[in-house]
Amino acid sequence: MADISMDDFMAVDVRVGTVVQAEPYPEARKPAIKIWVDFGDEIGVKKTSAQVTVHYTPETLVGRQVMAVVNFPPRQIGKFMSEVLVLGFPDEDGAIVLATPDKSVPQGGRLH
């Protein structure tokens, strides 16, 4: 993997927000959940879909703080327009575990 500069890193805007709504996305090709994340006053609520159904249900996502890239252009995922990319890591079987802060932090905080 190639090294990147600090400018490259700073170009990726990773913020923390709280899931305020989540619902099943049965129309998706792979099992997914539609998620709405509140990033605070500066960014507002943005939506995405995430293939996180192995470890999460819509009910367990609401109220959870998550990390997401907020400066990607919107992307059409089936009939749903995704506005951010929620971040996670694969477990030993490849199922996604969400990247979250280990303590509650203010909405919209930027990753350093």
C-alpha atoms as a PDB file:
ATOM      1  CA  MET A   1       0.000   0.000   0.000  1.00  0.00           C
ATOM      2  CA  ALA A   2       1.335   3.424  -0.919  1.00  0.00           C
ATOM      3  CA  ASP A   3       2.002   6.122   1.674  1.00  0.00           C
ATOM      4  CA  ILE A   4      -0.318   9.127   1.676  1.00  0.00           C
ATOM      5  CA  SER A   5       0.298  12.703   2.706  1.00  0.00           C
ATOM      6  CA  MET A   6      -1.424  14.594   5.507  1.00  0.00           C
ATOM      7  CA  ASP A   7      -3.269  16.530   2.785  1.00  0.00           C
ATOM      8  CA  ASP A   8      -4.602  13.227   1.401  1.00  0.00           C
ATOM      9  CA  PHE A   9      -5.830  12.244   4.872  1.00  0.00           C
ATOM     10  CA  MET A  10      -7.411  15.655   5.507  1.00  0.00           C
ATOM     11  CA  ALA A  11      -9.325  15.384   2.211  1.00  0.00           C
ATOM     12  CA  VAL A  12     -11.375  12.527   3.710  1.00  0.00           C
ATOM     13  CA  ASP A  13     -13.977  14.079   6.007  1.00  0.00           C
ATOM     14  CA  VAL A  14     -14.829  11.447   8.646  1.00  0.00           C
ATOM     15  CA  ARG A  15     -17.433  12.595  11.172  1.00  0.00           C
ATOM     16  CA  VAL A  16     -19.362  11.076  14.039  1.00  0.00           C
ATOM     17  CA  GLY A  17     -23.134  11.096  14.178  1.00  0.00           C
ATOM     18  CA  THR A  18     -26.031   9.335  15.853  1.00  0.00           C
ATOM     19  CA  VAL A  19     -28.387   6.975  14.053  1.00  0.00           C
ATOM     20  CA  VAL A  20     -31.845   8.550  14.335  1.00  0.00           C
ATOM     21  CA  GLN A  21     -33.756   6.178  12.044  1.00  0.00           C
ATOM     22  CA  ALA A  22     -33.130   2.733  10.583  1.00  0.00           C
ATOM     23  CA  GLU A  23     -35.282   0.356   8.582  1.00  0.00           C
ATOM     24  CA  PRO A  24     -34.887  -2.852   6.608  1.00  0.00           C
ATOM     25  CA  TYR A  25     -33.904  -2.563   2.945  1.00  0.00           C
ATOM     26  CA  PRO A  26     -35.438  -5.721   1.427  1.00  0.00           C
ATOM     27  CA  GLU A  27     -34.983  -4.452  -2.152  1.00  0.00           C
ATOM     28  CA  ALA A  28     -31.178  -4.437  -1.820  1.00  0.00           C
ATOM     29  CA  ARG A  29     -29.235  -7.137  -3.714  1.00  0.00           C
ATOM     30  CA  LYS A  30     -27.379  -8.069  -0.513  1.00  0.00           C
ATOM     31  CA  PRO A  31     -29.044  -7.838   2.932  1.00  0.00           C
ATOM     32  CA  ALA A  32     -28.844  -4.224   4.099  1.00  0.00           C
ATOM     33  CA  ILE A  33     -30.382  -1.632   6.391  1.00  0.00           C
ATOM     34  CA  LYS A  34     -31.349   1.938   5.472  1.00  0.00           C
ATOM     35  CA  ILE A  35     -29.829   4.303   8.040  1.00  0.00           C
ATOM     36  CA  TRP A  36     -30.335   8.003   8.772  1.00  0.00           C
ATOM     37  CA  VAL A  37     -27.509   9.619  10.764  1.00  0.00           C
ATOM     38  CA  ASP A  38     -27.647  13.022  12.504  1.00  0.00           C
ATOM     39  CA  PHE A  39     -24.279  14.777  12.230  1.00  0.00           C
ATOM     40  CA  GLY A  40     -25.384  17.938  14.056  1.00  0.00           C
ATOM     41  CA  ASP A  41     -26.248  21.429  12.872  1.00  0.00           C
ATOM     42  CA  GLU A  42     -23.393  21.896  10.377  1.00  0.00           C
ATOM     43  CA  ILE A  43     -24.094  18.764   8.298  1.00  0.00           C
ATOM     44  CA  GLY A  44     -27.572  17.674   9.392  1.00  0.00           C
ATOM     45  CA  VAL A  45     -29.171  14.284   8.860  1.00  0.00           C
ATOM     46  CA  LYS A  46     -27.761  12.161   6.029  1.00  0.00           C
ATOM     47  CA  LYS A  47     -28.892   8.747   4.817  1.00  0.00           C
ATOM     48  CA  THR A  48     -27.083   5.624   3.681  1.00  0.00           C
ATOM     49  CA  SER A  49     -27.552   1.912   3.344  1.00  0.00           C
ATOM     50  CA  ALA A  50     -25.217  -0.532   5.029  1.00  0.00           C
ATOM     51  CA  GLN A  51     -24.692  -4.283   4.796  1.00  0.00           C
ATOM     52  CA  VAL A  52     -24.605  -4.751   8.561  1.00  0.00           C
ATOM     53  CA  THR A  53     -27.473  -7.186   9.069  1.00  0.00           C
ATOM     54  CA  VAL A  54     -25.350  -9.945  10.644  1.00  0.00           C
ATOM     55  CA  HIS A  55     -24.557  -7.931  13.784  1.00  0.00           C
ATOM     56  CA  TYR A  56     -27.301  -5.270  13.831  1.00  0.00           C
ATOM     57  CA  THR A  57     -31.033  -4.799  13.410  1.00  0.00           C
ATOM     58  CA  PRO A  58     -32.734  -1.481  12.713  1.00  0.00           C
ATOM     59  CA  GLU A  59     -33.802  -1.371  16.370  1.00  0.00           C
ATOM     60  CA  THR A  60     -30.267  -1.848  17.720  1.00  0.00           C
ATOM     61  CA  LEU A  61     -28.846   0.855  15.438  1.00  0.00           C
ATOM     62  CA  VAL A  62     -31.094   3.728  16.561  1.00  0.00           C
ATOM     63  CA  GLY A  63     -29.279   5.827  19.161  1.00  0.00           C
ATOM     64  CA  ARG A  64     -25.846   4.387  18.307  1.00  0.00           C
ATOM     65  CA  GLN A  65     -23.011   6.744  17.382  1.00  0.00           C
ATOM     66  CA  VAL A  66     -21.257   5.806  14.131  1.00  0.00           C
ATOM     67  CA  MET A  67     -18.400   7.145  12.034  1.00  0.00           C
ATOM     68  CA  ALA A  68     -18.901   8.006   8.373  1.00  0.00           C
ATOM     69  CA  VAL A  69     -17.231   9.679   5.414  1.00  0.00           C
ATOM     70  CA  VAL A  70     -19.447  12.685   4.710  1.00  0.00           C
ATOM     71  CA  ASN A  71     -17.754  14.193   1.648  1.00  0.00           C
ATOM     72  CA  PHE A  72     -18.338  11.481  -0.958  1.00  0.00           C
ATOM     73  CA  PRO A  73     -20.798  12.409  -3.706  1.00  0.00           C
ATOM     74  CA  PRO A  74     -24.268  10.837  -3.341  1.00  0.00           C
ATOM     75  CA  ARG A  75     -24.490   7.322  -4.782  1.00  0.00           C
ATOM     76  CA  GLN A  76     -27.569   5.493  -6.017  1.00  0.00           C
ATOM     77  CA  ILE A  77     -27.937   2.117  -4.245  1.00  0.00           C
ATOM     78  CA  GLY A  78     -30.898   0.466  -5.945  1.00  0.00           C
ATOM     79  CA  LYS A  79     -33.857   2.790  -5.396  1.00  0.00           C
ATOM     80  CA  PHE A  80     -32.132   4.500  -2.441  1.00  0.00           C
ATOM     81  CA  MET A  81     -29.755   7.473  -2.632  1.00  0.00           C
ATOM     82  CA  SER A  82     -26.810   7.057  -0.251  1.00  0.00           C
ATOM     83  CA  GLU A  83     -25.296  10.337   0.968  1.00  0.00           C
ATOM     84  CA  VAL A  84     -22.520   9.112   3.314  1.00  0.00           C
ATOM     85  CA  LEU A  85     -20.375   6.014   3.817  1.00  0.00           C
ATOM     86  CA  VAL A  86     -20.729   4.484   7.277  1.00  0.00           C
ATOM     87  CA  LEU A  87     -17.437   2.870   8.321  1.00  0.00           C
ATOM     88  CA  GLY A  88     -16.807  -0.579   9.719  1.00  0.00           C
ATOM     89  CA  PHE A  89     -14.417  -3.503   9.864  1.00  0.00           C
ATOM     90  CA  PRO A  90     -14.949  -7.125   8.810  1.00  0.00           C
ATOM     91  CA  ASP A  91     -15.117  -9.707  11.570  1.00  0.00           C
ATOM     92  CA  GLU A  92     -13.457 -13.134  11.168  1.00  0.00           C
ATOM     93  CA  ASP A  93     -16.287 -14.205   8.823  1.00  0.00           C
ATOM     94  CA  GLY A  94     -16.341 -10.970   6.789  1.00  0.00           C
ATOM     95  CA  ALA A  95     -19.490  -9.506   8.403  1.00  0.00           C
ATOM     96  CA  ILE A  96     -19.214  -5.773   9.075  1.00  0.00           C
ATOM     97  CA  VAL A  97     -18.806  -4.418  12.617  1.00  0.00           C
ATOM     98  CA  LEU A  98     -19.395  -0.663  12.749  1.00  0.00           C
ATOM     99  CA  ALA A  99     -16.603   1.746  13.674  1.00  0.00           C
ATOM    100  CA  THR A 100     -17.785   3.733  16.702  1.00  0.00           C
ATOM    101  CA  PRO A 101     -16.207   5.993  19.324  1.00  0.00           C
ATOM    102  CA  ASP A 102     -15.731   4.250  22.674  1.00  0.00           C
ATOM    103  CA  LYS A 103     -17.209   7.242  24.530  1.00  0.00           C
ATOM    104  CA  SER A 104     -20.064   9.560  23.594  1.00  0.00           C
ATOM    105  CA  VAL A 105     -18.797  12.579  21.627  1.00  0.00           C
ATOM    106  CA  PRO A 106     -20.526  15.671  20.197  1.00  0.00           C
ATOM    107  CA  GLN A 107     -22.423  15.218  16.921  1.00  0.00           C
ATOM    108  CA  GLY A 108     -20.436  16.128  13.817  1.00  0.00           C
ATOM    109  CA  GLY A 109     -17.011  15.803  15.454  1.00  0.00           C
ATOM    110  CA  ARG A 110     -14.287  15.253  12.873  1.00  0.00           C
ATOM    111  CA  LEU A 111     -11.817  12.375  13.043  1.00  0.00           C
ATOM    112  CA  HIS A 112      -8.264  13.533  13.811  1.00  0.00           C
END
